[in-house]
Amino acid sequence: MSIRKILSDMDTVKKTVFESLSKKLLEYEEEISDYELRRIVFSMFKRVLGYEVYWADSDIHGKNRILLQTETEEIIVNITSLMDSLRKIHKEYTNYLDSKFFEEKKKTQDFEI
């Protein structure tokens, strides 16, 4: 199957990548750096799509671009919006963890004399 055919159904690709990435993001309880986020997205694209995946030349194609390559095709994918969405999801997750921590701490403090 061609890369273009797979990427033409971006909803499926995004869903698959999001599911894989959301599990990986749970390992990070602190704020996640751009470098780490790019590294995670890159490895998940490679794992999910199973094609040759490379970083595209940022001088030519711009920042946060991945090159997907087969014997007959090359496609540049901009991962900036994916990174932004994942950062938002991760922020919500860390806020949730913080709120649960403070709820538990408050419960234990209520019973202290």
Protein backbone atom coordinates (compact mmCIF):
# COMPACT_ATOMS: atom_id res chain seq x y z
CA MET A 1 0.00 0.00 0.00
CA SER A 2 1.34 3.43 -0.88
CA ILE A 3 2.18 6.07 1.68
CA ARG A 4 -0.13 8.52 -0.09
CA LYS A 5 -3.05 6.11 0.22
CA ILE A 6 -2.38 5.63 3.94
CA LEU A 7 -1.92 9.35 4.56
CA SER A 8 -5.03 10.22 2.56
CA ASP A 9 -6.96 8.66 5.42
CA MET A 10 -5.32 10.95 7.99
CA ASP A 11 -8.07 10.34 10.54
CA THR A 12 -6.99 6.71 10.80
CA VAL A 13 -3.30 7.63 10.92
CA LYS A 14 -3.88 10.31 13.56
CA LYS A 15 -6.01 7.96 15.65
CA THR A 16 -3.39 5.22 15.52
CA VAL A 17 -0.51 7.57 16.27
CA PHE A 18 -2.49 9.33 19.05
CA GLU A 19 -3.34 6.02 20.72
CA SER A 20 0.29 4.93 20.65
CA LEU A 21 1.58 8.30 21.79
CA SER A 22 -0.94 8.78 24.57
CA LYS A 23 0.31 5.58 26.19
CA LYS A 24 3.92 6.73 25.86
CA LEU A 25 3.14 10.18 27.29
CA LEU A 26 1.84 8.64 30.51
CA GLU A 27 5.47 7.84 31.36
CA TYR A 28 6.22 11.57 31.69
CA GLU A 29 4.87 13.21 34.82
CA GLU A 30 6.75 16.49 34.37
CA GLU A 31 6.63 18.99 31.52
CA ILE A 32 7.91 17.43 28.32
CA SER A 33 10.52 19.19 26.17
CA ASP A 34 10.14 19.86 22.44
CA TYR A 35 13.14 17.62 21.79
CA GLU A 36 11.63 14.72 23.72
CA LEU A 37 8.22 15.21 22.09
CA ARG A 38 9.77 15.21 18.60
CA ARG A 39 11.73 12.06 19.45
CA ILE A 40 8.59 10.28 20.68
CA VAL A 41 6.52 11.33 17.65
CA PHE A 42 9.31 10.24 15.30
CA SER A 43 9.63 6.79 16.89
CA MET A 44 5.87 6.28 16.89
CA PHE A 45 5.57 7.23 13.22
CA LYS A 46 8.28 4.72 12.47
CA ARG A 47 6.55 2.04 14.53
CA VAL A 48 3.00 2.71 13.34
CA LEU A 49 3.65 3.23 9.64
CA GLY A 50 6.49 0.76 9.22
CA TYR A 51 8.18 2.69 6.41
CA GLU A 52 11.60 4.26 6.23
CA VAL A 53 11.21 7.35 8.40
CA TYR A 54 13.80 10.12 8.56
CA TRP A 55 14.03 13.68 9.77
CA ALA A 56 13.54 15.98 6.79
CA ASP A 57 16.18 18.66 6.22
CA SER A 58 14.93 21.64 8.25
CA ASP A 59 16.81 24.12 6.05
CA ILE A 60 14.84 22.93 3.03
CA HIS A 61 11.49 21.78 4.44
CA GLY A 62 11.17 23.67 7.74
CA LYS A 63 11.12 22.66 11.37
CA ASN A 64 9.29 19.55 12.66
CA ARG A 65 9.08 17.70 9.36
CA ILE A 66 9.41 13.95 8.91
CA LEU A 67 10.33 12.27 5.63
CA LEU A 68 8.46 9.03 4.87
CA GLN A 69 10.11 7.03 2.13
CA THR A 70 9.52 3.85 0.15
CA GLU A 71 11.20 2.66 -3.03
CA THR A 72 8.80 4.73 -5.13
CA GLU A 73 7.59 7.59 -2.92
CA GLU A 74 8.75 10.33 -0.60
CA ILE A 75 6.38 12.41 1.50
CA ILE A 76 7.16 15.20 3.94
CA VAL A 77 4.84 15.29 6.97
CA ASN A 78 4.57 18.37 9.19
CA ILE A 79 4.26 17.14 12.79
CA THR A 80 3.89 20.57 14.43
CA SER A 81 0.11 20.37 14.93
CA LEU A 82 0.43 16.80 16.20
CA MET A 83 3.07 17.93 18.71
CA ASP A 84 0.86 20.84 19.83
CA SER A 85 -2.10 18.50 20.35
CA LEU A 86 0.02 16.02 22.28
CA ARG A 87 1.49 18.78 24.44
CA LYS A 88 -2.06 19.88 25.30
CA ILE A 89 -3.09 16.31 26.15
CA HIS A 90 0.03 15.86 28.27
CA LYS A 91 -0.60 19.17 30.08
CA GLU A 92 -4.15 18.08 30.89
CA TYR A 93 -2.80 14.75 32.14
CA THR A 94 -0.20 16.38 34.42
CA ASN A 95 -2.84 18.82 35.72
CA TYR A 96 -5.07 15.83 36.49
CA LEU A 97 -2.21 14.11 38.35
CA ASP A 98 -1.54 17.29 40.32
CA SER A 99 -5.20 17.68 41.27
CA LYS A 100 -5.41 14.03 42.40
CA PHE A 101 -2.24 14.47 44.47
CA PHE A 102 -3.61 17.57 46.20
CA GLU A 103 -6.99 15.92 46.79
CA GLU A 104 -5.28 12.99 48.51
CA LYS A 105 -3.04 15.32 50.51
CA LYS A 106 -6.07 17.35 51.63
CA LYS A 107 -7.90 14.19 52.73
CA THR A 108 -4.98 13.10 54.90
CA GLN A 109 -4.56 16.59 56.37
CA ASP A 110 -8.24 16.74 57.34
CA PHE A 111 -7.71 13.83 59.69
CA GLU A 112 -4.54 15.10 61.34
CA ILE A 113 -4.84 16.55 64.83
